[in-house]
């Protein structure tokens, strides 16, 4: 019985030590690259009745110590297009993710669209969103 108990204690100690070692090894430049969103991560277009594209620029600043690389920006709907600079944003510099919503062909009502952004920042996946309400013209 003592051998089983000692074996369990040994396994727990080794398991705990290996976890703490892997966490401390993961200190990389990725941990010191961060984004500050100057415009926030959500934009509200409000209520409107004209059928035109709605555009918004999400502006961010690299507040880290290493270049910020955007790996991917992907709209979750075909009605939303995104555009952004493919080159890295240097520490202290700002960047823009341009979002354009085209609701032509959709019924009047409320919409809420999401855009996923993957980068080398500490928060490597960010969800941006736009929303608004289209009403029929009077």
N, C-alpha and C. Protein backbone atom coordinates (compact mmCIF):
# COMPACT_ATOMS: atom_id res chain seq x y z
N UNK A 1 0.82 -1.19 0.00
CA UNK A 1 0.00 0.00 0.00
C UNK A 1 0.88 1.27 0.00
N UNK A 2 2.00 1.20 0.80
CA UNK A 2 2.90 2.35 0.84
C UNK A 2 3.54 2.57 -0.52
N UNK A 3 3.84 1.50 -1.25
CA UNK A 3 4.47 1.64 -2.57
C UNK A 3 3.52 2.33 -3.55
N UNK A 4 2.25 1.96 -3.50
CA UNK A 4 1.27 2.58 -4.39
C UNK A 4 1.15 4.07 -4.06
N UNK A 5 1.10 4.39 -2.78
CA UNK A 5 1.01 5.78 -2.35
C UNK A 5 2.24 6.57 -2.80
N UNK A 6 3.43 6.01 -2.61
CA UNK A 6 4.66 6.67 -3.03
C UNK A 6 4.72 6.85 -4.55
N UNK A 7 4.23 5.85 -5.27
CA UNK A 7 4.21 5.94 -6.73
C UNK A 7 3.28 7.08 -7.18
N UNK A 8 2.13 7.22 -6.55
CA UNK A 8 1.20 8.30 -6.89
C UNK A 8 1.81 9.67 -6.58
N UNK A 9 2.44 9.80 -5.45
CA UNK A 9 3.08 11.06 -5.09
C UNK A 9 4.16 11.41 -6.10
N UNK A 10 4.97 10.43 -6.50
CA UNK A 10 6.04 10.65 -7.47
C UNK A 10 5.47 11.13 -8.80
N UNK A 11 4.42 10.49 -9.26
CA UNK A 11 3.79 10.88 -10.53
C UNK A 11 3.25 12.30 -10.45
N UNK A 12 2.61 12.65 -9.33
CA UNK A 12 2.08 14.00 -9.18
C UNK A 12 3.19 15.04 -9.16
N UNK A 13 4.27 14.78 -8.46
CA UNK A 13 5.39 15.73 -8.38
C UNK A 13 6.03 15.91 -9.75
N UNK A 14 6.27 14.83 -10.47
CA UNK A 14 6.87 14.93 -11.80
C UNK A 14 5.93 15.66 -12.75
N UNK A 15 4.63 15.36 -12.69
CA UNK A 15 3.65 16.04 -13.55
C UNK A 15 3.60 17.52 -13.28
N UNK A 16 3.61 17.93 -12.02
CA UNK A 16 3.58 19.36 -11.68
C UNK A 16 4.85 20.06 -12.13
N UNK A 17 5.99 19.43 -11.96
CA UNK A 17 7.25 20.04 -12.38
C UNK A 17 7.32 20.22 -13.88
N UNK A 18 6.83 19.25 -14.65
CA UNK A 18 6.91 19.38 -16.11
C UNK A 18 6.00 20.48 -16.61
N UNK A 19 4.85 20.69 -15.96
CA UNK A 19 3.97 21.77 -16.39
C UNK A 19 4.59 23.13 -16.12
N UNK A 20 5.19 23.31 -14.96
CA UNK A 20 5.77 24.61 -14.65
C UNK A 20 6.97 24.90 -15.54
N UNK A 21 7.72 23.89 -15.91
CA UNK A 21 8.86 24.08 -16.79
C UNK A 21 8.40 24.54 -18.17
N UNK A 22 7.35 23.94 -18.73
CA UNK A 22 6.91 24.30 -20.07
C UNK A 22 6.35 25.72 -20.09
N UNK A 23 5.75 26.17 -19.01
CA UNK A 23 5.21 27.52 -18.98
C UNK A 23 6.33 28.55 -19.00
N UNK A 24 7.40 28.30 -18.25
CA UNK A 24 8.48 29.28 -18.21
C UNK A 24 9.28 29.29 -19.51
N UNK A 25 9.29 28.20 -20.25
CA UNK A 25 10.02 28.12 -21.52
C UNK A 25 9.32 28.93 -22.60
N UNK A 26 8.02 29.16 -22.47
CA UNK A 26 7.25 29.82 -23.52
C UNK A 26 7.42 31.34 -23.53
N UNK A 27 8.44 31.90 -22.93
CA UNK A 27 8.69 33.32 -22.97
C UNK A 27 9.37 33.64 -24.30
N UNK A 28 8.58 34.19 -25.22
CA UNK A 28 9.05 34.50 -26.56
C UNK A 28 8.66 35.93 -26.90
N UNK A 29 9.14 36.46 -28.01
CA UNK A 29 8.72 37.80 -28.43
C UNK A 29 7.21 37.92 -28.56
N UNK A 30 6.51 36.82 -28.83
CA UNK A 30 5.06 36.84 -28.95
C UNK A 30 4.42 37.38 -27.67
N UNK A 31 5.04 37.10 -26.52
CA UNK A 31 4.48 37.53 -25.25
C UNK A 31 4.61 39.03 -25.02
N UNK A 32 5.39 39.73 -25.82
CA UNK A 32 5.59 41.16 -25.60
C UNK A 32 5.06 41.99 -26.76
N UNK A 33 4.24 41.41 -27.60
CA UNK A 33 3.60 42.17 -28.67
C UNK A 33 2.13 42.29 -28.31
N UNK A 34 1.63 43.50 -28.24
CA UNK A 34 0.25 43.72 -27.80
C UNK A 34 -0.41 44.79 -28.66
N UNK A 35 -1.74 44.73 -28.70
CA UNK A 35 -2.53 45.66 -29.50
C UNK A 35 -3.39 46.52 -28.57
N UNK A 36 -3.41 47.81 -28.85
CA UNK A 36 -4.36 48.71 -28.19
C UNK A 36 -5.32 49.18 -29.29
N UNK A 37 -6.61 48.96 -29.10
CA UNK A 37 -7.61 49.34 -30.10
C UNK A 37 -8.03 50.78 -29.84
N UNK A 38 -7.65 51.68 -30.72
CA UNK A 38 -7.96 53.09 -30.56
C UNK A 38 -9.42 53.40 -30.84
N UNK A 39 -10.08 52.56 -31.64
CA UNK A 39 -11.48 52.75 -31.98
C UNK A 39 -12.38 51.74 -31.28
N UNK A 40 -11.83 50.87 -30.46
CA UNK A 40 -12.61 49.78 -29.88
C UNK A 40 -12.70 48.63 -30.87
N UNK A 41 -13.34 47.54 -30.46
CA UNK A 41 -13.46 46.36 -31.32
C UNK A 41 -14.88 46.16 -31.83
N UNK A 42 -15.79 47.09 -31.52
CA UNK A 42 -17.17 47.02 -32.03
C UNK A 42 -17.55 48.39 -32.58
N UNK A 43 -18.26 48.37 -33.72
CA UNK A 43 -18.76 49.62 -34.28
C UNK A 43 -20.25 49.48 -34.58
N UNK A 44 -21.01 50.48 -34.17
CA UNK A 44 -22.45 50.53 -34.39
C UNK A 44 -22.75 51.56 -35.48
N UNK A 45 -23.33 51.09 -36.60
CA UNK A 45 -23.71 52.00 -37.68
C UNK A 45 -25.03 52.72 -37.39
N UNK A 46 -25.81 52.19 -36.48
CA UNK A 46 -27.10 52.81 -36.14
C UNK A 46 -28.19 52.41 -37.10
N UNK A 47 -29.23 53.24 -37.18
CA UNK A 47 -30.39 52.98 -38.04
C UNK A 47 -30.24 53.81 -39.31
N UNK A 48 -30.44 53.18 -40.44
CA UNK A 48 -30.34 53.91 -41.71
C UNK A 48 -31.27 53.26 -42.73
N UNK A 49 -31.62 54.04 -43.78
CA UNK A 49 -32.57 53.53 -44.78
C UNK A 49 -32.02 53.55 -46.20
N UNK A 50 -30.83 54.07 -46.41
CA UNK A 50 -30.26 54.08 -47.75
C UNK A 50 -29.47 52.79 -47.98
N UNK A 51 -29.54 52.27 -49.18
CA UNK A 51 -28.84 51.02 -49.52
C UNK A 51 -27.45 51.36 -50.06
N UNK A 52 -26.53 51.65 -49.16
CA UNK A 52 -25.15 51.94 -49.54
C UNK A 52 -24.24 51.11 -48.64
N UNK A 53 -23.03 50.86 -49.12
CA UNK A 53 -22.06 50.16 -48.28
C UNK A 53 -21.78 50.98 -47.03
N UNK A 54 -21.64 50.30 -45.93
CA UNK A 54 -21.27 50.94 -44.68
C UNK A 54 -19.82 50.56 -44.40
N UNK A 55 -18.96 51.57 -44.26
CA UNK A 55 -17.53 51.34 -44.07
C UNK A 55 -17.08 51.83 -42.70
N UNK A 56 -16.10 51.14 -42.14
CA UNK A 56 -15.52 51.56 -40.88
C UNK A 56 -14.07 51.10 -40.81
N UNK A 57 -13.22 51.95 -40.23
CA UNK A 57 -11.81 51.60 -40.03
C UNK A 57 -11.56 51.33 -38.55
N UNK A 58 -11.21 50.09 -38.23
CA UNK A 58 -10.76 49.74 -36.89
C UNK A 58 -9.29 50.13 -36.82
N UNK A 59 -8.95 51.04 -35.91
CA UNK A 59 -7.58 51.54 -35.80
C UNK A 59 -6.96 50.96 -34.54
N UNK A 60 -5.74 50.45 -34.69
CA UNK A 60 -5.03 49.86 -33.56
C UNK A 60 -3.61 50.41 -33.48
N UNK A 61 -3.01 50.22 -32.32
CA UNK A 61 -1.63 50.64 -32.11
C UNK A 61 -0.85 49.45 -31.57
N UNK A 62 0.36 49.24 -32.08
CA UNK A 62 1.24 48.20 -31.56
C UNK A 62 1.91 48.78 -30.31
N UNK A 63 1.49 48.30 -29.14
CA UNK A 63 2.05 48.80 -27.88
C UNK A 63 3.08 47.81 -27.32
N UNK A 64 3.50 46.88 -28.15
CA UNK A 64 4.51 45.90 -27.73
C UNK A 64 5.91 46.33 -28.11
N UNK A 65 6.85 45.42 -27.87
CA UNK A 65 8.26 45.68 -28.15
C UNK A 65 8.75 45.06 -29.46
N UNK A 66 7.90 44.33 -30.15
CA UNK A 66 8.27 43.64 -31.38
C UNK A 66 7.25 43.96 -32.46
N UNK A 67 7.61 43.80 -33.74
CA UNK A 67 6.66 44.04 -34.82
C UNK A 67 5.41 43.17 -34.68
N UNK A 68 4.28 43.77 -34.96
CA UNK A 68 2.99 43.08 -34.92
C UNK A 68 2.68 42.56 -36.31
N UNK A 69 2.52 41.26 -36.43
CA UNK A 69 2.22 40.65 -37.71
C UNK A 69 0.78 40.12 -37.69
N UNK A 70 -0.03 40.58 -38.62
CA UNK A 70 -1.39 40.07 -38.75
C UNK A 70 -1.34 38.87 -39.68
N UNK A 71 -1.71 37.71 -39.15
CA UNK A 71 -1.68 36.48 -39.92
C UNK A 71 -2.90 36.33 -40.82
N UNK A 72 -4.07 36.77 -40.32
CA UNK A 72 -5.31 36.58 -41.08
C UNK A 72 -6.38 37.50 -40.51
N UNK A 73 -7.20 38.05 -41.39
CA UNK A 73 -8.42 38.76 -41.01
C UNK A 73 -9.52 38.17 -41.87
N UNK A 74 -10.53 37.62 -41.22
CA UNK A 74 -11.55 36.88 -41.96
C UNK A 74 -12.95 37.30 -41.52
N UNK A 75 -13.75 37.76 -42.50
CA UNK A 75 -15.15 38.08 -42.23
C UNK A 75 -15.96 36.80 -42.19
N UNK A 76 -16.92 36.74 -41.30
CA UNK A 76 -17.73 35.53 -41.14
C UNK A 76 -18.94 35.51 -42.07
N UNK A 77 -19.07 36.52 -42.92
CA UNK A 77 -20.20 36.60 -43.84
C UNK A 77 -19.72 37.17 -45.17
N UNK A 78 -20.28 36.70 -46.25
CA UNK A 78 -19.91 37.19 -47.57
C UNK A 78 -20.31 38.63 -47.81
N UNK A 79 -21.18 39.17 -46.98
CA UNK A 79 -21.62 40.56 -47.13
C UNK A 79 -20.62 41.54 -46.52
N UNK A 80 -19.60 41.03 -45.88
CA UNK A 80 -18.61 41.88 -45.20
C UNK A 80 -17.24 41.64 -45.82
N UNK A 81 -16.59 42.73 -46.25
CA UNK A 81 -15.25 42.64 -46.81
C UNK A 81 -14.26 43.30 -45.87
N UNK A 82 -13.03 42.81 -45.87
CA UNK A 82 -11.99 43.40 -45.03
C UNK A 82 -10.74 43.68 -45.87
N UNK A 83 -10.00 44.69 -45.45
CA UNK A 83 -8.74 45.02 -46.09
C UNK A 83 -7.80 45.53 -45.00
N UNK A 84 -6.53 45.15 -45.11
CA UNK A 84 -5.54 45.57 -44.13
C UNK A 84 -4.15 45.46 -44.75
N UNK A 85 -3.20 46.18 -44.16
CA UNK A 85 -1.82 46.14 -44.65
C UNK A 85 -1.20 44.80 -44.28
N UNK A 86 -0.51 44.19 -45.21
CA UNK A 86 0.08 42.87 -44.98
C UNK A 86 1.46 42.95 -44.31
N UNK A 87 2.12 44.12 -44.36
CA UNK A 87 3.43 44.23 -43.72
C UNK A 87 3.26 44.46 -42.21
N UNK A 88 4.24 44.05 -41.41
CA UNK A 88 4.16 44.18 -39.95
C UNK A 88 4.03 45.63 -39.50
N UNK A 89 3.35 45.84 -38.40
CA UNK A 89 3.22 47.15 -37.78
C UNK A 89 4.30 47.24 -36.70
N UNK A 90 5.16 48.22 -36.82
CA UNK A 90 6.29 48.36 -35.90
C UNK A 90 5.82 48.87 -34.53
N UNK A 91 6.61 48.61 -33.48
CA UNK A 91 6.25 49.10 -32.14
C UNK A 91 6.00 50.61 -32.15
N UNK A 92 4.89 51.01 -31.55
CA UNK A 92 4.52 52.43 -31.49
C UNK A 92 3.73 52.92 -32.68
N UNK A 93 3.70 52.17 -33.77
CA UNK A 93 2.97 52.58 -34.97
C UNK A 93 1.51 52.13 -34.89
N UNK A 94 0.68 52.76 -35.74
CA UNK A 94 -0.73 52.39 -35.82
C UNK A 94 -1.01 51.66 -37.13
N UNK A 95 -2.10 50.93 -37.13
CA UNK A 95 -2.54 50.22 -38.32
C UNK A 95 -4.05 50.28 -38.42
N UNK A 96 -4.58 49.87 -39.56
CA UNK A 96 -6.02 49.96 -39.83
C UNK A 96 -6.51 48.65 -40.41
N UNK A 97 -7.67 48.22 -39.94
CA UNK A 97 -8.40 47.13 -40.59
C UNK A 97 -9.68 47.76 -41.12
N UNK A 98 -9.78 47.85 -42.43
CA UNK A 98 -10.94 48.47 -43.09
C UNK A 98 -12.01 47.40 -43.29
N UNK A 99 -13.23 47.70 -42.82
CA UNK A 99 -14.36 46.78 -42.95
C UNK A 99 -15.45 47.47 -43.75
N UNK A 100 -16.02 46.74 -44.71
CA UNK A 100 -17.09 47.27 -45.54
C UNK A 100 -18.25 46.27 -45.54
N UNK A 101 -19.44 46.75 -45.16
CA UNK A 101 -20.64 45.91 -45.12
C UNK A 101 -21.55 46.29 -46.28
N UNK A 102 -21.98 45.29 -47.06
CA UNK A 102 -22.90 45.49 -48.17
C UNK A 102 -24.13 44.64 -47.90
N UNK A 103 -25.21 45.29 -47.51
CA UNK A 103 -26.44 44.58 -47.17
C UNK A 103 -27.46 44.52 -48.28
N UNK A 104 -27.04 44.83 -49.53
CA UNK A 104 -27.99 44.77 -50.65
C UNK A 104 -28.55 43.35 -50.78
N UNK A 105 -29.86 43.28 -50.95
CA UNK A 105 -30.50 41.99 -51.11
C UNK A 105 -30.99 41.40 -49.79
N UNK A 106 -30.60 41.97 -48.68
CA UNK A 106 -31.06 41.47 -47.39
C UNK A 106 -32.34 42.18 -46.99
N UNK A 107 -33.16 41.52 -46.21
CA UNK A 107 -34.39 42.11 -45.72
C UNK A 107 -34.08 43.17 -44.68
N UNK A 108 -34.98 44.14 -44.51
CA UNK A 108 -34.77 45.14 -43.46
C UNK A 108 -34.68 44.46 -42.09
N UNK A 109 -33.95 45.10 -41.21
CA UNK A 109 -33.82 44.59 -39.85
C UNK A 109 -32.42 44.79 -39.29
N UNK A 110 -32.22 44.20 -38.16
CA UNK A 110 -30.96 44.33 -37.42
C UNK A 110 -29.95 43.31 -37.92
N UNK A 111 -28.69 43.70 -37.99
CA UNK A 111 -27.61 42.76 -38.32
C UNK A 111 -26.46 42.97 -37.34
N UNK A 112 -25.69 41.93 -37.18
CA UNK A 112 -24.49 41.96 -36.32
C UNK A 112 -23.49 41.00 -36.95
N UNK A 113 -22.39 41.52 -37.47
CA UNK A 113 -21.41 40.73 -38.20
C UNK A 113 -20.08 40.69 -37.45
N UNK A 114 -19.39 39.55 -37.57
CA UNK A 114 -18.13 39.34 -36.86
C UNK A 114 -16.97 39.19 -37.84
N UNK A 115 -15.82 39.67 -37.41
CA UNK A 115 -14.58 39.55 -38.17
C UNK A 115 -13.52 39.00 -37.21
N UNK A 116 -12.87 37.90 -37.60
CA UNK A 116 -11.83 37.32 -36.77
C UNK A 116 -10.46 37.76 -37.26
N UNK A 117 -9.62 38.17 -36.32
CA UNK A 117 -8.27 38.58 -36.65
C UNK A 117 -7.28 37.73 -35.86
N UNK A 118 -6.33 37.12 -36.57
CA UNK A 118 -5.26 36.34 -35.92
C UNK A 118 -3.95 37.07 -36.12
N UNK A 119 -3.16 37.19 -35.03
CA UNK A 119 -1.88 37.89 -35.11
C UNK A 119 -0.88 37.26 -34.14
N UNK A 120 0.28 37.86 -34.05
CA UNK A 120 1.29 37.36 -33.11
C UNK A 120 1.24 38.12 -31.78
N UNK A 121 0.16 38.82 -31.50
CA UNK A 121 0.01 39.57 -30.25
C UNK A 121 -0.29 38.61 -29.10
N UNK A 122 -0.22 39.14 -27.89
CA UNK A 122 -0.52 38.35 -26.70
C UNK A 122 -1.92 37.75 -26.83
N UNK A 123 -2.92 38.58 -27.17
CA UNK A 123 -4.26 38.08 -27.49
C UNK A 123 -4.26 37.77 -28.97
N UNK A 124 -3.91 36.54 -29.32
CA UNK A 124 -3.63 36.23 -30.73
C UNK A 124 -4.88 36.17 -31.61
N UNK A 125 -6.05 35.97 -31.01
CA UNK A 125 -7.30 35.96 -31.79
C UNK A 125 -8.22 37.02 -31.20
N UNK A 126 -8.62 37.95 -32.04
CA UNK A 126 -9.51 39.04 -31.63
C UNK A 126 -10.75 38.99 -32.51
N UNK A 127 -11.91 39.22 -31.92
CA UNK A 127 -13.14 39.32 -32.69
C UNK A 127 -13.55 40.78 -32.77
N UNK A 128 -13.62 41.28 -33.99
CA UNK A 128 -14.15 42.61 -34.25
C UNK A 128 -15.59 42.44 -34.67
N UNK A 129 -16.42 43.47 -34.48
CA UNK A 129 -17.81 43.33 -34.90
C UNK A 129 -18.39 44.67 -35.34
N UNK A 130 -19.34 44.56 -36.24
CA UNK A 130 -20.11 45.71 -36.71
C UNK A 130 -21.58 45.36 -36.58
N UNK A 131 -22.40 46.37 -36.40
CA UNK A 131 -23.84 46.13 -36.28
C UNK A 131 -24.58 47.36 -36.78
N UNK A 132 -25.84 47.16 -37.08
CA UNK A 132 -26.68 48.26 -37.52
C UNK A 132 -28.08 47.76 -37.79
N UNK A 133 -28.95 48.68 -38.16
CA UNK A 133 -30.34 48.33 -38.47
C UNK A 133 -30.72 49.02 -39.77
N UNK A 134 -31.08 48.22 -40.77
CA UNK A 134 -31.54 48.76 -42.05
C UNK A 134 -33.07 48.82 -42.02
N UNK A 135 -33.63 49.96 -42.39
CA UNK A 135 -35.07 50.11 -42.47
C UNK A 135 -35.44 50.48 -43.92
N UNK A 136 -36.65 50.15 -44.32
CA UNK A 136 -37.13 50.51 -45.66
C UNK A 136 -37.24 52.03 -45.76
N UNK A 137 -36.85 52.60 -46.91
CA UNK A 137 -37.01 54.05 -47.08
C UNK A 137 -38.49 54.42 -47.04
N UNK A 138 -38.76 55.61 -46.50
CA UNK A 138 -40.17 56.05 -46.42
C UNK A 138 -40.61 56.74 -47.66
